[in-house]
N, C-alpha and C. Protein backbone atom coordinates (compact mmCIF):
# COMPACT_ATOMS: atom_id res chain seq x y z
N MET A 1 120.76 28.50 52.31
CA MET A 1 120.72 29.78 53.03
C MET A 1 122.12 30.06 53.53
N SER A 2 122.64 31.17 53.13
CA SER A 2 124.01 31.51 53.52
C SER A 2 124.02 32.14 54.90
N SER A 3 125.01 31.81 55.65
CA SER A 3 125.14 32.37 56.99
C SER A 3 125.55 33.82 56.90
N PRO A 4 125.09 34.64 57.86
CA PRO A 4 125.47 36.06 57.83
C PRO A 4 126.97 36.22 57.97
N ARG A 5 127.45 37.17 57.27
CA ARG A 5 128.89 37.39 57.26
C ARG A 5 129.34 38.04 58.57
N VAL A 6 130.33 37.45 59.18
CA VAL A 6 130.84 37.98 60.45
C VAL A 6 131.79 39.12 60.14
N PRO A 7 131.56 40.30 60.71
CA PRO A 7 132.45 41.43 60.43
C PRO A 7 133.85 41.16 60.98
N ARG A 8 134.81 41.55 60.23
CA ARG A 8 136.20 41.33 60.61
C ARG A 8 136.65 42.45 61.54
N ARG A 9 137.35 42.06 62.58
CA ARG A 9 137.84 43.07 63.52
C ARG A 9 138.98 43.86 62.90
N VAL A 10 138.90 45.18 63.03
CA VAL A 10 139.94 46.05 62.50
C VAL A 10 140.59 46.76 63.68
N ASP A 11 141.88 46.61 63.81
CA ASP A 11 142.59 47.25 64.91
C ASP A 11 142.65 48.76 64.70
N ALA A 12 142.76 49.47 65.80
CA ALA A 12 142.87 50.92 65.73
C ALA A 12 144.19 51.31 65.09
N PRO A 13 144.21 52.38 64.33
CA PRO A 13 145.47 52.79 63.69
C PRO A 13 146.50 53.21 64.72
N ARG A 14 147.76 53.06 64.36
CA ARG A 14 148.83 53.44 65.26
C ARG A 14 148.93 54.95 65.37
N THR A 15 149.50 55.41 66.47
CA THR A 15 149.68 56.83 66.66
C THR A 15 150.88 57.30 65.84
N SER A 16 151.11 58.59 65.81
CA SER A 16 152.20 59.14 65.00
C SER A 16 153.54 58.73 65.61
N PRO A 17 154.58 58.63 64.78
CA PRO A 17 155.90 58.27 65.31
C PRO A 17 156.40 59.24 66.38
N TRP A 18 156.02 60.51 66.27
CA TRP A 18 156.47 61.49 67.26
C TRP A 18 155.92 61.16 68.64
N PHE A 19 154.61 60.93 68.73
CA PHE A 19 154.02 60.60 70.02
C PHE A 19 154.43 59.20 70.47
N ALA A 20 154.64 58.28 69.52
CA ALA A 20 155.12 56.95 69.89
C ALA A 20 156.51 57.04 70.50
N ALA A 21 157.37 57.91 69.93
CA ALA A 21 158.70 58.10 70.50
C ALA A 21 158.62 58.66 71.91
N MET A 22 157.72 59.61 72.13
CA MET A 22 157.54 60.16 73.47
C MET A 22 157.05 59.10 74.44
N ASP A 23 156.11 58.27 73.98
CA ASP A 23 155.63 57.17 74.82
C ASP A 23 156.78 56.23 75.18
N GLY A 24 157.63 55.90 74.20
CA GLY A 24 158.75 55.00 74.46
C GLY A 24 159.73 55.58 75.45
N ILE A 25 160.03 56.87 75.31
CA ILE A 25 160.94 57.52 76.27
C ILE A 25 160.33 57.51 77.66
N GLY A 26 159.03 57.80 77.73
CA GLY A 26 158.38 57.79 79.04
C GLY A 26 158.40 56.42 79.68
N ALA A 27 158.15 55.37 78.89
CA ALA A 27 158.17 54.01 79.43
C ALA A 27 159.58 53.64 79.88
N PHE A 28 160.57 53.98 79.07
CA PHE A 28 161.97 53.69 79.42
C PHE A 28 162.32 54.34 80.75
N TRP A 29 162.07 55.63 80.86
CA TRP A 29 162.46 56.36 82.06
C TRP A 29 161.68 55.90 83.29
N LEU A 30 160.39 55.61 83.11
CA LEU A 30 159.56 55.19 84.24
C LEU A 30 160.06 53.87 84.80
N VAL A 31 160.30 52.88 83.93
CA VAL A 31 160.75 51.57 84.40
C VAL A 31 162.13 51.67 85.04
N GLU A 32 163.04 52.39 84.40
CA GLU A 32 164.37 52.53 84.98
C GLU A 32 164.32 53.25 86.32
N GLY A 33 163.53 54.33 86.39
CA GLY A 33 163.44 55.08 87.63
C GLY A 33 162.88 54.26 88.78
N VAL A 34 161.84 53.48 88.51
CA VAL A 34 161.24 52.66 89.56
C VAL A 34 162.23 51.60 90.04
N LEU A 35 162.89 50.92 89.11
CA LEU A 35 163.82 49.85 89.49
C LEU A 35 165.05 50.42 90.22
N VAL A 36 165.57 51.54 89.75
CA VAL A 36 166.71 52.15 90.43
C VAL A 36 166.32 52.61 91.83
N GLY A 37 165.12 53.18 91.95
CA GLY A 37 164.66 53.60 93.27
C GLY A 37 164.53 52.43 94.23
N ILE A 38 163.98 51.31 93.76
CA ILE A 38 163.86 50.12 94.61
C ILE A 38 165.24 49.61 95.01
N ALA A 39 166.16 49.58 94.05
CA ALA A 39 167.51 49.09 94.34
C ALA A 39 168.21 49.96 95.36
N LEU A 40 168.05 51.28 95.27
CA LEU A 40 168.70 52.17 96.23
C LEU A 40 168.12 51.99 97.63
N VAL A 41 166.82 51.78 97.71
CA VAL A 41 166.21 51.52 99.02
C VAL A 41 166.75 50.23 99.61
N LEU A 42 166.87 49.18 98.78
CA LEU A 42 167.40 47.91 99.27
C LEU A 42 168.86 48.04 99.69
N LEU A 43 169.61 48.85 98.98
CA LEU A 43 170.99 49.11 99.39
C LEU A 43 171.03 49.82 100.73
N TRP A 44 170.18 50.80 100.90
CA TRP A 44 170.14 51.55 102.15
C TRP A 44 169.71 50.67 103.32
N MET A 45 168.82 49.71 103.05
CA MET A 45 168.37 48.80 104.10
C MET A 45 169.39 47.70 104.38
N GLY A 46 170.41 47.57 103.55
CA GLY A 46 171.42 46.54 103.76
C GLY A 46 171.10 45.21 103.13
N VAL A 47 170.03 45.15 102.32
CA VAL A 47 169.69 43.90 101.65
C VAL A 47 170.76 43.56 100.61
N PHE A 48 171.20 44.58 99.87
CA PHE A 48 172.30 44.44 98.92
C PHE A 48 173.55 45.06 99.52
N HIS A 49 174.68 44.55 99.12
CA HIS A 49 175.95 45.07 99.61
C HIS A 49 176.87 45.33 98.43
N ARG A 50 177.72 46.34 98.59
CA ARG A 50 178.75 46.62 97.59
C ARG A 50 180.05 46.90 98.32
N GLU A 51 181.13 46.55 97.67
CA GLU A 51 182.44 46.70 98.30
C GLU A 51 182.82 48.17 98.42
N SER A 52 182.81 48.91 97.31
CA SER A 52 183.19 50.31 97.33
C SER A 52 182.69 50.96 96.04
N GLY A 53 182.79 52.29 96.01
CA GLY A 53 182.40 53.01 94.82
C GLY A 53 180.90 53.20 94.73
N PRO A 54 180.45 53.85 93.66
CA PRO A 54 179.01 54.09 93.49
C PRO A 54 178.27 52.80 93.20
N PRO A 55 176.98 52.74 93.52
CA PRO A 55 176.21 51.52 93.22
C PRO A 55 176.11 51.31 91.72
N ARG A 56 176.24 50.06 91.32
CA ARG A 56 176.17 49.71 89.89
C ARG A 56 174.76 49.22 89.60
N LEU A 57 173.99 50.06 88.98
CA LEU A 57 172.58 49.78 88.73
C LEU A 57 172.27 49.60 87.24
N GLU A 58 173.31 49.36 86.44
CA GLU A 58 173.12 49.25 85.00
C GLU A 58 172.19 48.12 84.57
N PRO A 59 172.08 46.99 85.32
CA PRO A 59 171.13 45.96 84.88
C PRO A 59 169.70 46.46 84.73
N ALA A 60 169.36 47.57 85.39
CA ALA A 60 168.02 48.13 85.22
C ALA A 60 167.80 48.63 83.81
N LEU A 61 168.87 48.82 83.04
CA LEU A 61 168.72 49.28 81.66
C LEU A 61 168.03 48.24 80.79
N LEU A 62 168.20 46.95 81.11
CA LEU A 62 167.59 45.91 80.27
C LEU A 62 166.06 45.99 80.30
N PRO A 63 165.41 45.92 81.46
CA PRO A 63 163.94 46.04 81.43
C PRO A 63 163.47 47.41 80.98
N ALA A 64 164.26 48.46 81.24
CA ALA A 64 163.87 49.79 80.78
C ALA A 64 163.88 49.86 79.25
N ALA A 65 164.93 49.33 78.64
CA ALA A 65 165.00 49.31 77.18
C ALA A 65 163.91 48.43 76.59
N LEU A 66 163.62 47.31 77.25
CA LEU A 66 162.54 46.43 76.79
C LEU A 66 161.22 47.18 76.76
N ALA A 67 160.91 47.87 77.87
CA ALA A 67 159.64 48.60 77.93
C ALA A 67 159.60 49.72 76.90
N GLY A 68 160.69 50.48 76.78
CA GLY A 68 160.70 51.58 75.83
C GLY A 68 160.55 51.12 74.39
N ALA A 69 161.27 50.06 74.03
CA ALA A 69 161.18 49.55 72.66
C ALA A 69 159.81 48.96 72.38
N PHE A 70 159.27 48.22 73.32
CA PHE A 70 157.95 47.62 73.12
C PHE A 70 156.89 48.69 72.88
N VAL A 71 156.86 49.70 73.73
CA VAL A 71 155.85 50.75 73.61
C VAL A 71 156.02 51.53 72.31
N ALA A 72 157.27 51.90 72.00
CA ALA A 72 157.50 52.72 70.81
C ALA A 72 157.16 51.97 69.53
N VAL A 73 157.59 50.73 69.42
CA VAL A 73 157.33 49.95 68.21
C VAL A 73 155.85 49.59 68.11
N ARG A 74 155.25 49.24 69.23
CA ARG A 74 153.84 48.88 69.21
C ARG A 74 152.97 50.05 68.74
N LEU A 75 153.32 51.26 69.16
CA LEU A 75 152.47 52.41 68.85
C LEU A 75 152.85 53.11 67.56
N GLY A 76 154.14 53.12 67.21
CA GLY A 76 154.55 53.92 66.07
C GLY A 76 155.44 53.22 65.07
N GLY A 77 155.65 51.92 65.23
CA GLY A 77 156.50 51.22 64.28
C GLY A 77 157.97 51.54 64.49
N TRP A 78 158.77 51.29 63.46
CA TRP A 78 160.22 51.42 63.59
C TRP A 78 160.65 52.86 63.80
N ARG A 79 159.92 53.82 63.24
CA ARG A 79 160.30 55.22 63.44
C ARG A 79 160.10 55.64 64.89
N GLY A 80 159.09 55.09 65.56
CA GLY A 80 158.91 55.41 66.97
C GLY A 80 160.04 54.91 67.83
N LEU A 81 160.70 53.82 67.39
CA LEU A 81 161.80 53.24 68.16
C LEU A 81 162.98 54.20 68.27
N LEU A 82 163.10 55.13 67.34
CA LEU A 82 164.23 56.06 67.38
C LEU A 82 164.23 56.91 68.65
N GLY A 83 163.04 57.15 69.21
CA GLY A 83 162.96 57.97 70.42
C GLY A 83 163.68 57.37 71.61
N PRO A 84 163.28 56.19 72.08
CA PRO A 84 163.99 55.60 73.23
C PRO A 84 165.44 55.25 72.93
N MET A 85 165.76 54.92 71.68
CA MET A 85 167.15 54.63 71.34
C MET A 85 168.01 55.89 71.47
N ALA A 86 167.50 57.02 70.98
CA ALA A 86 168.24 58.28 71.11
C ALA A 86 168.36 58.68 72.58
N PHE A 87 167.30 58.47 73.33
CA PHE A 87 167.32 58.80 74.76
C PHE A 87 168.38 57.97 75.50
N ALA A 88 168.45 56.67 75.18
CA ALA A 88 169.43 55.81 75.83
C ALA A 88 170.85 56.14 75.37
N ALA A 89 170.99 56.58 74.12
CA ALA A 89 172.32 56.86 73.58
C ALA A 89 172.97 58.06 74.26
N VAL A 90 172.16 58.96 74.83
CA VAL A 90 172.73 60.14 75.47
C VAL A 90 173.63 59.73 76.64
N SER A 91 173.14 58.85 77.50
CA SER A 91 173.95 58.40 78.63
C SER A 91 175.17 57.61 78.16
N PHE A 92 174.98 56.81 77.11
CA PHE A 92 176.10 56.02 76.61
C PHE A 92 177.23 56.94 76.13
N PHE A 93 176.89 57.94 75.34
CA PHE A 93 177.93 58.83 74.83
C PHE A 93 178.49 59.73 75.93
N ARG A 94 177.68 60.00 76.94
CA ARG A 94 178.21 60.78 78.06
C ARG A 94 179.31 60.01 78.77
N PHE A 95 179.07 58.72 79.06
CA PHE A 95 180.11 57.92 79.70
C PHE A 95 181.29 57.70 78.76
N LEU A 96 181.02 57.56 77.47
CA LEU A 96 182.09 57.34 76.52
C LEU A 96 182.99 58.57 76.39
N SER A 97 182.44 59.74 76.70
CA SER A 97 183.25 60.96 76.57
C SER A 97 184.41 61.01 77.56
N TYR A 98 184.30 60.30 78.69
CA TYR A 98 185.38 60.33 79.69
C TYR A 98 186.64 59.64 79.19
N PRO A 99 186.59 58.39 78.73
CA PRO A 99 187.83 57.79 78.20
C PRO A 99 188.32 58.48 76.94
N ILE A 100 187.40 59.02 76.12
CA ILE A 100 187.84 59.74 74.92
C ILE A 100 188.59 61.01 75.32
N GLY A 101 188.03 61.75 76.29
CA GLY A 101 188.72 62.95 76.77
C GLY A 101 190.07 62.63 77.40
N ALA A 102 190.13 61.50 78.14
CA ALA A 102 191.40 61.10 78.73
C ALA A 102 192.41 60.71 77.66
N ALA A 103 191.94 60.08 76.59
CA ALA A 103 192.84 59.72 75.50
C ALA A 103 193.41 60.96 74.82
N ILE A 104 192.58 62.00 74.70
CA ILE A 104 193.06 63.25 74.11
C ILE A 104 194.11 63.89 75.01
N ASP A 105 193.83 63.91 76.32
CA ASP A 105 194.81 64.47 77.25
C ASP A 105 196.10 63.65 77.25
N CYS A 106 195.95 62.33 77.12
CA CYS A 106 197.13 61.46 77.09
C CYS A 106 197.99 61.76 75.87
N SER A 107 197.34 62.02 74.74
CA SER A 107 198.09 62.32 73.52
C SER A 107 198.81 63.66 73.61
N HIS A 108 198.37 64.51 74.55
CA HIS A 108 199.01 65.81 74.74
C HIS A 108 200.09 65.77 75.83
N GLY A 109 200.40 64.57 76.30
CA GLY A 109 201.50 64.43 77.26
C GLY A 109 201.10 64.25 78.70
N ASP A 110 199.79 64.17 78.99
CA ASP A 110 199.35 63.96 80.36
C ASP A 110 199.40 62.47 80.67
N THR A 111 200.46 62.03 81.32
CA THR A 111 200.65 60.59 81.56
C THR A 111 199.62 60.03 82.54
N ASP A 112 199.15 60.87 83.48
CA ASP A 112 198.14 60.39 84.43
C ASP A 112 196.82 60.05 83.72
N ALA A 113 196.54 60.75 82.63
CA ALA A 113 195.30 60.51 81.90
C ALA A 113 195.36 59.26 81.05
N CYS A 114 196.55 58.75 80.82
CA CYS A 114 196.67 57.58 79.94
C CYS A 114 195.98 56.36 80.52
N ARG A 115 196.00 56.23 81.85
CA ARG A 115 195.32 55.08 82.47
C ARG A 115 193.81 55.18 82.31
N ALA A 116 193.29 56.39 82.45
CA ALA A 116 191.84 56.57 82.31
C ALA A 116 191.37 56.40 80.88
N ALA A 117 192.29 56.50 79.92
CA ALA A 117 191.90 56.37 78.52
C ALA A 117 191.43 54.97 78.18
N THR A 118 191.81 53.99 78.98
CA THR A 118 191.39 52.61 78.74
C THR A 118 190.34 52.14 79.76
N ASP A 119 189.81 53.08 80.52
CA ASP A 119 188.82 52.74 81.54
C ASP A 119 187.42 52.83 80.95
N PHE A 120 186.86 51.69 80.61
CA PHE A 120 185.51 51.62 80.07
C PHE A 120 184.55 50.99 81.08
N ASP A 121 184.85 51.19 82.36
CA ASP A 121 184.08 50.53 83.40
C ASP A 121 182.62 50.95 83.39
N PHE A 122 182.35 52.20 83.03
CA PHE A 122 180.96 52.67 83.00
C PHE A 122 180.38 52.67 81.59
N VAL A 123 181.19 52.31 80.61
CA VAL A 123 180.72 52.27 79.23
C VAL A 123 180.20 50.88 78.87
N LEU A 124 181.00 49.86 79.19
CA LEU A 124 180.63 48.50 78.81
C LEU A 124 179.32 48.03 79.42
N PRO A 125 179.00 48.39 80.69
CA PRO A 125 177.70 47.95 81.23
C PRO A 125 176.49 48.50 80.49
N GLN A 126 176.71 49.53 79.64
CA GLN A 126 175.59 50.03 78.85
C GLN A 126 175.11 48.98 77.83
N ALA A 127 175.89 47.91 77.68
CA ALA A 127 175.49 46.83 76.77
C ALA A 127 174.21 46.14 77.22
N TRP A 128 173.77 46.37 78.47
CA TRP A 128 172.47 45.85 78.90
C TRP A 128 171.35 46.37 78.01
N LEU A 129 171.59 47.49 77.33
CA LEU A 129 170.57 48.06 76.46
C LEU A 129 170.27 47.16 75.27
N LEU A 130 171.28 46.47 74.76
CA LEU A 130 171.11 45.71 73.52
C LEU A 130 170.09 44.59 73.65
N PRO A 131 170.22 43.67 74.63
CA PRO A 131 169.18 42.64 74.74
C PRO A 131 167.83 43.22 75.12
N GLY A 132 167.83 44.35 75.85
CA GLY A 132 166.56 44.97 76.20
C GLY A 132 165.81 45.48 74.99
N PHE A 133 166.50 46.21 74.12
CA PHE A 133 165.85 46.70 72.90
C PHE A 133 165.43 45.55 71.99
N ALA A 134 166.30 44.55 71.85
CA ALA A 134 165.97 43.43 70.97
C ALA A 134 164.73 42.68 71.47
N THR A 135 164.66 42.45 72.78
CA THR A 135 163.51 41.73 73.34
C THR A 135 162.24 42.57 73.23
N GLY A 136 162.36 43.87 73.44
CA GLY A 136 161.19 44.73 73.34
C GLY A 136 160.63 44.78 71.94
N VAL A 137 161.51 44.87 70.94
CA VAL A 137 161.05 44.88 69.54
C VAL A 137 160.40 43.55 69.20
N LEU A 138 161.01 42.45 69.62
CA LEU A 138 160.44 41.13 69.33
C LEU A 138 159.07 40.98 69.96
N ALA A 139 158.94 41.42 71.21
CA ALA A 139 157.65 41.31 71.89
C ALA A 139 156.59 42.16 71.21
N ALA A 140 156.98 43.34 70.70
CA ALA A 140 156.00 44.21 70.03
C ALA A 140 155.55 43.62 68.70
N VAL A 141 156.42 42.88 68.03
CA VAL A 141 156.08 42.32 66.72
C VAL A 141 155.24 41.06 66.83
N VAL A 142 155.56 40.20 67.79
CA VAL A 142 154.92 38.87 67.83
C VAL A 142 153.73 38.81 68.77
N THR A 143 153.52 39.83 69.61
CA THR A 143 152.38 39.81 70.52
C THR A 143 151.40 40.91 70.15
N ARG A 144 150.24 40.85 70.77
CA ARG A 144 149.21 41.85 70.52
C ARG A 144 148.79 42.52 71.81
N ALA A 145 149.67 42.55 72.80
CA ALA A 145 149.34 43.17 74.08
C ALA A 145 149.14 44.67 73.90
N PRO A 146 148.07 45.23 74.44
CA PRO A 146 147.84 46.67 74.30
C PRO A 146 148.78 47.47 75.20
N VAL A 147 148.91 48.72 74.92
CA VAL A 147 149.74 49.63 75.73
C VAL A 147 148.81 50.56 76.49
N PRO A 148 148.69 50.39 77.80
CA PRO A 148 147.81 51.28 78.57
C PRO A 148 148.52 52.58 78.93
N LEU A 149 147.74 53.55 79.39
CA LEU A 149 148.26 54.81 79.93
C LEU A 149 149.19 55.51 78.93
N ARG A 150 148.77 55.59 77.69
CA ARG A 150 149.65 56.17 76.67
C ARG A 150 149.87 57.67 76.90
N VAL A 151 148.82 58.38 77.28
CA VAL A 151 148.98 59.82 77.52
C VAL A 151 149.92 60.06 78.70
N GLU A 152 149.78 59.25 79.74
CA GLU A 152 150.65 59.42 80.90
C GLU A 152 152.12 59.16 80.53
N LEU A 153 152.35 58.16 79.68
CA LEU A 153 153.72 57.89 79.25
C LEU A 153 154.26 59.06 78.43
N GLU A 154 153.43 59.66 77.61
CA GLU A 154 153.86 60.84 76.85
C GLU A 154 154.26 61.97 77.80
N ALA A 155 153.51 62.11 78.90
CA ALA A 155 153.80 63.18 79.84
C ALA A 155 155.11 62.93 80.58
N PHE A 156 155.48 61.67 80.75
CA PHE A 156 156.76 61.38 81.41
C PHE A 156 157.94 61.77 80.52
N ALA A 157 157.74 61.82 79.21
CA ALA A 157 158.85 62.06 78.29
C ALA A 157 159.56 63.39 78.55
N PRO A 158 158.85 64.54 78.65
CA PRO A 158 159.58 65.78 78.91
C PRO A 158 160.29 65.79 80.26
N ILE A 159 159.72 65.11 81.25
CA ILE A 159 160.41 65.04 82.54
C ILE A 159 161.71 64.26 82.40
N ALA A 160 161.66 63.17 81.64
CA ALA A 160 162.88 62.39 81.41
C ALA A 160 163.92 63.21 80.65
N LEU A 161 163.48 63.96 79.66
CA LEU A 161 164.41 64.73 78.84
C LEU A 161 165.08 65.84 79.65
N VAL A 162 164.34 66.48 80.56
CA VAL A 162 164.98 67.52 81.37
C VAL A 162 165.98 66.92 82.34
N GLN A 163 165.75 65.67 82.76
CA GLN A 163 166.75 65.02 83.61
C GLN A 163 168.06 64.82 82.85
N VAL A 164 167.96 64.53 81.56
CA VAL A 164 169.16 64.41 80.73
C VAL A 164 169.88 65.75 80.66
N VAL A 165 169.12 66.82 80.45
CA VAL A 165 169.73 68.15 80.38
C VAL A 165 170.39 68.49 81.70
N ARG A 166 169.73 68.21 82.81
CA ARG A 166 170.30 68.50 84.13
C ARG A 166 171.59 67.73 84.36
N SER A 167 171.69 66.52 83.82
CA SER A 167 172.91 65.74 84.04
C SER A 167 174.10 66.34 83.31
N PHE A 168 173.85 67.14 82.27
CA PHE A 168 174.94 67.77 81.53
C PHE A 168 175.33 69.13 82.09
N LEU A 169 174.48 69.73 82.90
CA LEU A 169 174.78 71.06 83.42
C LEU A 169 176.07 71.12 84.23
N PRO A 170 176.34 70.15 85.15
CA PRO A 170 177.60 70.23 85.89
C PRO A 170 178.83 70.16 84.98
N MET A 171 178.71 69.47 83.85
CA MET A 171 179.84 69.40 82.92
C MET A 171 180.09 70.74 82.25
N LEU A 172 179.04 71.57 82.16
CA LEU A 172 179.17 72.85 81.47
C LEU A 172 179.52 73.99 82.41
N TRP A 173 178.90 73.99 83.60
CA TRP A 173 179.04 75.15 84.48
C TRP A 173 179.51 74.77 85.88
N GLY A 174 180.25 73.71 86.02
CA GLY A 174 180.71 73.32 87.34
C GLY A 174 179.67 72.50 88.07
N TYR A 175 179.69 72.55 89.39
CA TYR A 175 178.84 71.69 90.20
C TYR A 175 178.04 72.52 91.22
N PRO A 176 177.11 73.34 90.76
CA PRO A 176 176.25 74.06 91.70
C PRO A 176 175.27 73.11 92.37
N ASN A 177 174.88 73.43 93.57
CA ASN A 177 173.99 72.51 94.29
C ASN A 177 173.09 73.29 95.27
N PRO A 178 171.84 73.57 94.88
CA PRO A 178 171.32 73.48 93.51
C PRO A 178 171.56 74.80 92.79
N SER A 179 171.34 74.87 91.53
CA SER A 179 171.50 76.11 90.78
C SER A 179 170.15 76.56 90.25
N ALA A 180 170.07 77.84 89.93
CA ALA A 180 168.81 78.37 89.40
C ALA A 180 168.45 77.72 88.08
N SER A 181 169.48 77.41 87.26
CA SER A 181 169.20 76.81 85.96
C SER A 181 168.59 75.43 86.12
N GLU A 182 169.06 74.64 87.09
CA GLU A 182 168.49 73.31 87.32
C GLU A 182 167.03 73.41 87.75
N ILE A 183 166.75 74.38 88.61
CA ILE A 183 165.37 74.56 89.07
C ILE A 183 164.46 74.96 87.92
N VAL A 184 164.93 75.89 87.08
CA VAL A 184 164.13 76.35 85.94
C VAL A 184 163.87 75.20 84.98
N ILE A 185 164.90 74.40 84.69
CA ILE A 185 164.74 73.28 83.76
C ILE A 185 163.76 72.25 84.31
N THR A 186 163.86 71.96 85.60
CA THR A 186 162.94 71.00 86.22
C THR A 186 161.51 71.50 86.15
N VAL A 187 161.30 72.78 86.44
CA VAL A 187 159.94 73.35 86.38
C VAL A 187 159.40 73.30 84.96
N LEU A 188 160.26 73.60 83.97
CA LEU A 188 159.82 73.54 82.58
C LEU A 188 159.38 72.13 82.19
N GLY A 189 160.12 71.12 82.66
CA GLY A 189 159.73 69.75 82.38
C GLY A 189 158.38 69.40 82.98
N LEU A 190 158.14 69.84 84.21
CA LEU A 190 156.85 69.58 84.85
C LEU A 190 155.72 70.32 84.14
N LEU A 191 155.99 71.55 83.70
CA LEU A 191 154.96 72.29 82.97
C LEU A 191 154.64 71.62 81.64
N ALA A 192 155.68 71.13 80.95
CA ALA A 192 155.44 70.44 79.68
C ALA A 192 154.64 69.17 79.90
N ALA A 193 154.94 68.44 80.97
CA ALA A 193 154.19 67.23 81.28
C ALA A 193 152.72 67.56 81.59
N SER A 194 152.51 68.63 82.34
CA SER A 194 151.14 69.03 82.67
C SER A 194 150.37 69.45 81.41
N TYR A 195 151.07 70.13 80.50
CA TYR A 195 150.42 70.55 79.26
C TYR A 195 149.99 69.34 78.43
N ILE A 196 150.88 68.34 78.34
CA ILE A 196 150.55 67.14 77.57
C ILE A 196 149.34 66.43 78.18
N LEU A 197 149.33 66.30 79.50
CA LEU A 197 148.20 65.64 80.16
C LEU A 197 146.91 66.40 79.90
N ALA A 198 146.96 67.73 80.02
CA ALA A 198 145.73 68.51 79.84
C ALA A 198 145.27 68.50 78.40
N ARG A 199 146.20 68.62 77.47
CA ARG A 199 145.83 68.73 76.06
C ARG A 199 145.41 67.39 75.47
N ARG A 200 146.19 66.34 75.73
CA ARG A 200 145.91 65.06 75.11
C ARG A 200 144.73 64.35 75.79
N SER A 201 144.60 64.52 77.09
CA SER A 201 143.51 63.84 77.78
C SER A 201 142.17 64.48 77.45
N SER A 202 142.18 65.73 77.01
CA SER A 202 140.91 66.39 76.68
C SER A 202 140.34 65.91 75.36
N SER A 203 141.14 65.14 74.59
CA SER A 203 140.66 64.62 73.32
C SER A 203 140.70 63.10 73.36
N PRO A 204 139.59 62.45 73.70
CA PRO A 204 139.60 60.99 73.83
C PRO A 204 140.06 60.27 72.58
N THR A 205 139.74 60.81 71.41
CA THR A 205 140.13 60.11 70.18
C THR A 205 141.63 60.12 70.00
N ARG A 206 142.30 61.16 70.49
CA ARG A 206 143.76 61.21 70.36
C ARG A 206 144.43 60.46 71.49
N SER A 207 143.87 60.56 72.71
CA SER A 207 144.55 59.95 73.85
C SER A 207 144.42 58.44 73.86
N THR A 208 143.41 57.90 73.19
CA THR A 208 143.24 56.45 73.18
C THR A 208 143.59 55.85 71.83
N ARG A 209 144.11 56.64 70.95
CA ARG A 209 144.34 56.15 69.62
C ARG A 209 145.62 55.34 69.56
N GLY A 210 145.64 54.29 68.77
CA GLY A 210 146.87 53.53 68.53
C GLY A 210 146.98 52.37 69.49
N GLY A 211 148.09 51.64 69.33
CA GLY A 211 148.41 50.59 70.27
C GLY A 211 148.40 49.20 69.70
N ARG A 212 147.92 49.00 68.45
CA ARG A 212 147.91 47.65 67.91
C ARG A 212 148.29 47.69 66.44
N TRP A 213 148.86 46.58 66.01
CA TRP A 213 149.19 46.47 64.60
C TRP A 213 147.92 46.22 63.80
N ARG A 214 147.88 46.74 62.59
CA ARG A 214 146.72 46.50 61.75
C ARG A 214 146.74 45.07 61.21
N THR A 215 145.57 44.52 61.08
CA THR A 215 145.45 43.20 60.48
C THR A 215 145.16 43.35 59.00
N PRO A 216 145.68 42.48 58.17
CA PRO A 216 145.41 42.59 56.73
C PRO A 216 143.94 42.32 56.42
């Protein structure tokens, strides 16, 4: 008498790379924002001390990149990873633009700019991203941990993206504080987040879909 055949567990299919990229951006921004917020509070309370200059919070990029890469790869594979990588690259190239701009000014005869052309003080700490992304990808490949709150992470993505846009506005139009354009962009990000929550949460099959690698 043959024993009844045990059905094989089949994992849920992964979500689309587009939504996986949004999830990864949301996870990246959420983790970085929480850690930076905690660090600023500890600085204000005097738990941490700094000699001078702005607070250096770049180490928060490592866990943020880890979370973003893990979520994106887990839900959408390698194409989903492009989302958090592109999101992180924006800040990197923004900081890189300062020494590049100084080098251009130096080549035009501005001797004061020549010193800034070799100042990579805010560029090199972005290297915290590399071990973060590598660890996140490795964790997504070798583990089977599910990704909770996927719709909520998608909703964080437009808010994170408008923060990137807002950071470039002073470079384009001076330093208004606050400006109507910043307010409009912030409101648009919140509206986009609300739309994602309302639309994706209303469809359980879409909002809970994905999150695990398929088994052969």
